[in-house]
Amino acid sequence: MVLASLWLCGCIFVPHTTTIYDPACGLAERHMSLKAYQIGAFGGCRNQGCAELLVLAGAVSAASLVVSGSVVVVGEVVYWLEAKTQCLGR
């Protein structure tokens, strides 16, 4: 659990959009997913400063996960509705 929390503390999460061609409908469908990016490693910190840095990094990581995760969920619903509407119109 400690290793997982240390790994997450050094990451931010961003939405990523991919496009896939659907030959059945003849259109390009977009899909969203989350990508994790490591923002850096901590080294050379000591005592209270290190603890504060880890707490701040964990808060940033958690906030980026919540915000980006919400964007991905809403984006996926919008892209799904868009694809179904365009496919039914053909």
Protein backbone atom coordinates (compact mmCIF):
# COMPACT_ATOMS: atom_id res chain seq x y z
CA MET A 1 0.00 0.00 0.00
CA VAL A 2 2.86 2.36 0.79
CA LEU A 3 4.50 1.63 -2.58
CA ALA A 4 1.23 2.30 -4.40
CA SER A 5 0.77 5.62 -2.62
CA LEU A 6 4.33 6.67 -3.41
CA TRP A 7 3.81 5.76 -7.06
CA LEU A 8 0.57 7.76 -7.26
CA CYS A 9 2.13 10.77 -5.54
CA GLY A 10 4.51 11.29 -8.43
CA CYS A 11 1.83 11.12 -11.13
CA ILE A 12 -0.79 13.31 -12.70
CA PHE A 13 -3.65 12.01 -14.78
CA VAL A 14 -4.76 13.58 -18.05
CA PRO A 15 -7.56 12.66 -20.49
CA HIS A 16 -6.46 11.19 -23.82
CA THR A 17 -8.63 10.97 -26.94
CA THR A 18 -8.20 8.32 -29.64
CA THR A 19 -10.04 7.96 -32.92
CA ILE A 20 -11.11 4.60 -34.36
CA TYR A 21 -12.76 4.15 -37.76
CA ASP A 22 -16.00 2.14 -37.65
CA PRO A 23 -16.61 0.63 -41.10
CA ALA A 24 -20.15 -0.49 -40.18
CA CYS A 25 -21.28 3.13 -39.77
CA GLY A 26 -18.68 4.71 -42.02
CA LEU A 27 -17.48 7.22 -39.44
CA ALA A 28 -14.58 7.86 -37.10
CA GLU A 29 -15.51 7.24 -33.47
CA ARG A 30 -13.66 9.01 -30.68
CA HIS A 31 -12.91 7.41 -27.32
CA MET A 32 -11.39 8.86 -24.17
CA SER A 33 -9.13 7.26 -21.58
CA LEU A 34 -6.89 8.32 -18.73
CA LYS A 35 -3.13 8.49 -19.11
CA ALA A 36 -0.81 8.70 -16.12
CA TYR A 37 2.34 10.80 -16.39
CA GLN A 38 5.09 10.81 -13.82
CA ILE A 39 5.93 14.37 -12.84
CA GLY A 40 9.19 13.67 -11.06
CA ALA A 41 10.95 11.82 -8.32
CA PHE A 42 11.62 13.15 -4.88
CA GLY A 43 15.17 13.18 -3.67
CA GLY A 44 17.14 15.04 -1.08
CA CYS A 45 14.22 16.06 1.11
CA ARG A 46 14.42 15.72 4.88
CA ASN A 47 12.08 15.54 7.87
CA GLN A 48 9.03 17.82 7.87
CA GLY A 49 9.73 19.29 4.41
CA CYS A 50 9.64 15.84 2.85
CA ALA A 51 6.33 14.99 4.52
CA GLU A 52 4.78 18.26 3.33
CA LEU A 53 6.04 17.65 -0.19
CA LEU A 54 4.54 14.15 -0.26
CA VAL A 55 1.19 15.41 1.05
CA LEU A 56 1.10 18.17 -1.57
CA ALA A 57 2.06 15.76 -4.37
CA GLY A 58 -0.62 13.31 -3.22
CA ALA A 59 -3.25 16.06 -3.20
CA VAL A 60 -2.29 17.17 -6.72
CA SER A 61 -2.37 13.58 -7.95
CA ALA A 62 -5.78 12.90 -6.40
CA ALA A 63 -7.21 16.15 -7.75
CA SER A 64 -5.97 15.42 -11.27
CA LEU A 65 -7.49 11.92 -11.07
CA VAL A 66 -10.90 13.24 -9.99
CA VAL A 67 -11.04 16.09 -12.51
CA SER A 68 -9.63 14.13 -15.45
CA GLY A 69 -11.74 11.08 -14.59
CA SER A 70 -14.87 13.23 -14.67
CA VAL A 71 -13.85 14.69 -18.03
CA VAL A 72 -13.32 11.19 -19.43
CA VAL A 73 -16.71 9.91 -18.22
CA VAL A 74 -18.58 12.91 -19.65
CA GLY A 75 -16.55 12.78 -22.87
CA GLU A 76 -17.24 9.08 -23.36
CA VAL A 77 -20.99 9.64 -22.94
CA VAL A 78 -20.97 12.53 -25.42
CA TYR A 79 -18.88 10.60 -27.96
CA TRP A 80 -21.12 7.53 -27.58
CA LEU A 81 -24.28 9.59 -28.14
CA GLU A 82 -22.67 11.32 -31.11
CA ALA A 83 -21.68 8.00 -32.70
CA LYS A 84 -25.11 6.43 -32.15
CA THR A 85 -26.90 9.47 -33.56
CA GLN A 86 -24.71 9.61 -36.66
CA CYS A 87 -24.88 5.86 -37.21
CA LEU A 88 -28.69 5.74 -36.94
CA GLY A 89 -28.95 8.66 -39.39
CA ARG A 90 -27.34 6.58 -42.16
